[in-house]
């Protein structure tokens, strides 16, 4: 199957997030994309969160990429969203308290995407996620994702647990990358 990749360079200004959302909507909706309205809305929310994180936390420009299955007449397949930025620092998934007004972006991505992760790209990093509209909702494992949690008598919050049959959300090596998860006592 062919894949169509589109990309947008996003400036370091937080106002660019709105432009990225509008651009993503224009690429995801309409005939021939294979993306229905509900999937488009989910993808646009993910775009908004990832671009916001890149712009706000790095203070530098970013590149948004969307990969769509492009075979005419085929049912929709996996859609991939990537945001590359200039910071080499790994993403940190927070667990915001009810009263906090931010800190939920990666939790949303984790809950909406079938898979997500990050990898180094040049001097920075690329955060990616994939949604397969035909895949069953991902199930969480009952086991903590790292031995560190177990060794210290702690447990990872459920959003940090390993997805069965996939690499961890944090690193290809699995686990919560040595304590980058939200800890609960």
Protein backbone atom coordinates (compact mmCIF):
# COMPACT_ATOMS: atom_id res chain seq x y z
CA UNK A 1 0.00 0.00 0.00
CA UNK A 2 1.21 3.48 -0.77
CA UNK A 3 1.61 6.03 2.00
CA UNK A 4 1.08 9.75 1.61
CA UNK A 5 3.21 11.92 3.91
CA UNK A 6 2.52 15.61 4.35
CA UNK A 7 4.46 17.97 6.57
CA UNK A 8 4.28 21.48 7.97
CA UNK A 9 7.01 23.57 9.54
CA UNK A 10 5.71 25.16 12.74
CA UNK A 11 7.24 28.31 14.20
CA UNK A 12 8.25 28.67 17.85
CA UNK A 13 5.20 30.86 18.63
CA UNK A 14 2.37 29.15 20.59
CA UNK A 15 -0.08 30.81 18.16
CA UNK A 16 1.27 28.38 15.56
CA UNK A 17 -0.63 25.54 17.27
CA UNK A 18 -3.91 26.84 15.86
CA UNK A 19 -2.39 27.03 12.38
CA UNK A 20 -1.16 23.43 12.74
CA UNK A 21 -4.66 22.28 13.72
CA UNK A 22 -6.26 24.03 10.74
CA UNK A 23 -3.62 22.61 8.40
CA UNK A 24 -4.10 19.09 9.80
CA UNK A 25 -7.88 19.34 9.43
CA UNK A 26 -7.49 20.41 5.79
CA UNK A 27 -5.27 17.37 5.11
CA UNK A 28 -7.36 14.83 7.04
CA UNK A 29 -10.86 15.66 5.89
CA UNK A 30 -12.38 15.39 2.47
CA UNK A 31 -12.75 12.75 -0.19
CA UNK A 32 -9.93 10.33 -0.81
CA UNK A 33 -8.27 10.52 2.61
CA UNK A 34 -10.00 7.47 4.07
CA UNK A 35 -10.33 9.32 7.39
CA UNK A 36 -13.80 9.73 8.86
CA UNK A 37 -14.83 12.73 10.97
CA UNK A 38 -14.39 11.00 14.34
CA UNK A 39 -10.89 9.82 13.47
CA UNK A 40 -10.01 13.26 12.09
CA UNK A 41 -11.14 14.91 15.35
CA UNK A 42 -8.99 12.50 17.38
CA UNK A 43 -5.97 13.08 15.15
CA UNK A 44 -6.40 16.85 15.35
CA UNK A 45 -6.48 16.67 19.15
CA UNK A 46 -3.26 14.65 19.07
CA UNK A 47 -1.68 17.14 16.65
CA UNK A 48 -2.65 19.97 18.98
CA UNK A 49 -1.11 18.29 22.03
CA UNK A 50 2.14 17.24 20.34
CA UNK A 51 2.71 20.58 18.60
CA UNK A 52 1.90 22.46 21.82
CA UNK A 53 4.45 20.36 23.72
CA UNK A 54 7.11 20.94 21.07
CA UNK A 55 6.60 24.70 20.88
CA UNK A 56 6.06 25.40 24.59
CA UNK A 57 8.69 23.09 26.06
CA UNK A 58 11.47 23.66 23.54
CA UNK A 59 10.87 27.26 22.51
CA UNK A 60 12.02 26.32 19.02
CA UNK A 61 10.37 25.52 15.68
CA UNK A 62 9.04 22.03 14.99
CA UNK A 63 8.03 19.91 12.03
CA UNK A 64 4.63 18.21 11.95
CA UNK A 65 4.26 15.15 9.71
CA UNK A 66 1.16 13.11 8.99
CA UNK A 67 1.32 9.79 7.14
CA UNK A 68 -1.88 8.48 5.57
CA UNK A 69 -2.56 5.27 3.64
CA UNK A 70 -2.94 6.50 0.07
CA UNK A 71 -4.26 3.56 -1.92
CA UNK A 72 -7.50 4.66 -3.64
CA UNK A 73 -10.54 2.62 -2.66
CA UNK A 74 -8.82 0.86 0.22
CA UNK A 75 -10.26 0.94 3.72
CA UNK A 76 -8.47 3.35 6.06
CA UNK A 77 -5.37 1.97 7.70
CA UNK A 78 -2.90 3.19 10.28
CA UNK A 79 -2.43 6.95 10.43
CA UNK A 80 0.84 8.21 11.91
CA UNK A 81 1.45 11.66 13.40
CA UNK A 82 4.99 12.83 14.11
CA UNK A 83 6.36 16.04 15.57
CA UNK A 84 10.11 16.68 15.42
CA UNK A 85 11.71 19.38 17.53
CA UNK A 86 15.18 20.66 18.37
CA UNK A 87 15.35 19.37 21.95
CA UNK A 88 17.17 16.10 22.65
CA UNK A 89 15.41 15.80 26.03
CA UNK A 90 12.99 12.86 26.12
CA UNK A 91 9.31 13.62 26.63
CA UNK A 92 8.09 13.42 30.19
CA UNK A 93 4.59 12.15 30.74
CA UNK A 94 3.11 13.95 33.74
CA UNK A 95 0.09 13.05 35.78
CA UNK A 96 -1.58 16.36 36.52
CA UNK A 97 -3.70 16.90 39.60
CA UNK A 98 -7.31 17.90 39.09
CA UNK A 99 -6.59 21.56 39.83
CA UNK A 100 -3.66 21.89 37.41
CA UNK A 101 -4.39 23.62 34.12
CA UNK A 102 -1.74 21.80 32.07
CA UNK A 103 0.31 18.62 32.08
CA UNK A 104 -2.17 16.28 30.42
CA UNK A 105 -0.95 16.29 26.80
CA UNK A 106 0.95 13.02 26.72
CA UNK A 107 -1.68 11.35 28.89
CA UNK A 108 -4.23 12.25 26.21
CA UNK A 109 -1.97 10.93 23.46
CA UNK A 110 -1.38 7.75 25.45
CA UNK A 111 -5.12 7.23 25.86
CA UNK A 112 -6.08 8.04 22.26
CA UNK A 113 -3.32 6.41 20.20
CA UNK A 114 -2.80 2.70 19.67
CA UNK A 115 0.95 3.22 19.95
CA UNK A 116 3.26 6.14 20.66
CA UNK A 117 6.88 6.77 21.44
CA UNK A 118 9.87 8.91 20.62
CA UNK A 119 13.29 8.59 19.06
CA UNK A 120 16.29 10.82 18.47
CA UNK A 121 16.28 12.76 15.20
CA UNK A 122 19.34 14.80 14.30
CA UNK A 123 20.15 17.04 17.26
CA UNK A 124 16.59 16.75 18.58
CA UNK A 125 13.85 14.16 18.77
CA UNK A 126 10.73 12.94 17.01
CA UNK A 127 7.61 12.04 18.97
CA UNK A 128 5.21 9.83 17.06
CA UNK A 129 1.91 8.11 17.52
CA UNK A 130 -0.21 5.78 15.43
CA UNK A 131 -3.92 5.20 15.26
CA UNK A 132 -5.33 2.18 13.47
CA UNK A 133 -9.09 2.67 13.22
CA UNK A 134 -9.63 -1.09 12.79
CA UNK A 135 -7.52 -2.25 15.73
CA UNK A 136 -9.22 -3.14 19.00
CA UNK A 137 -8.69 -0.72 21.85
CA UNK A 138 -5.31 -1.41 23.47
CA UNK A 139 -5.40 -3.38 26.70
CA UNK A 140 -3.14 -2.56 29.60
CA UNK A 141 -0.91 -5.16 31.16
CA UNK A 142 -1.45 -5.92 34.83
CA UNK A 143 2.29 -5.95 35.53
CA UNK A 144 4.36 -2.85 36.27
CA UNK A 145 6.55 -1.84 33.35
CA UNK A 146 9.86 -1.71 35.15
CA UNK A 147 11.78 -3.56 37.81
CA UNK A 148 12.60 -0.25 39.50
CA UNK A 149 8.97 0.19 40.52
CA UNK A 150 8.83 -3.34 41.91
CA UNK A 151 12.22 -3.10 43.64
CA UNK A 152 11.21 0.08 45.46
CA UNK A 153 7.79 -1.25 46.39
CA UNK A 154 6.04 1.29 44.17
CA UNK A 155 3.66 0.79 41.31
CA UNK A 156 3.50 2.64 38.03
CA UNK A 157 0.33 4.47 37.20
CA UNK A 158 -1.68 2.56 34.63
CA UNK A 159 -0.84 4.96 31.79
CA UNK A 160 2.83 3.98 32.12
CA UNK A 161 2.30 0.23 31.88
CA UNK A 162 3.61 -1.71 28.91
CA UNK A 163 1.29 -2.34 25.98
CA UNK A 164 1.18 -6.10 25.37
CA UNK A 165 3.15 -7.10 22.30
CA UNK A 166 4.70 -3.68 21.69
CA UNK A 167 7.67 -1.64 22.80
CA UNK A 168 7.05 0.62 25.75
CA UNK A 169 5.73 4.13 25.33
CA UNK A 170 9.09 5.51 26.41
CA UNK A 171 11.86 3.55 24.79
CA UNK A 172 12.37 0.64 22.46
CA UNK A 173 14.11 -1.16 25.32
CA UNK A 174 10.83 -1.29 27.24
CA UNK A 175 9.87 -0.07 30.64
CA UNK A 176 9.34 3.42 31.91
CA UNK A 177 12.89 4.52 31.05
CA UNK A 178 14.29 4.37 34.55
CA UNK A 179 11.71 6.34 36.41
CA UNK A 180 10.16 8.72 33.89
CA UNK A 181 6.72 7.40 34.74
CA UNK A 182 4.35 8.86 37.33
CA UNK A 183 5.02 7.11 40.59
CA UNK A 184 2.32 6.18 43.11
CA UNK A 185 3.05 4.94 46.59
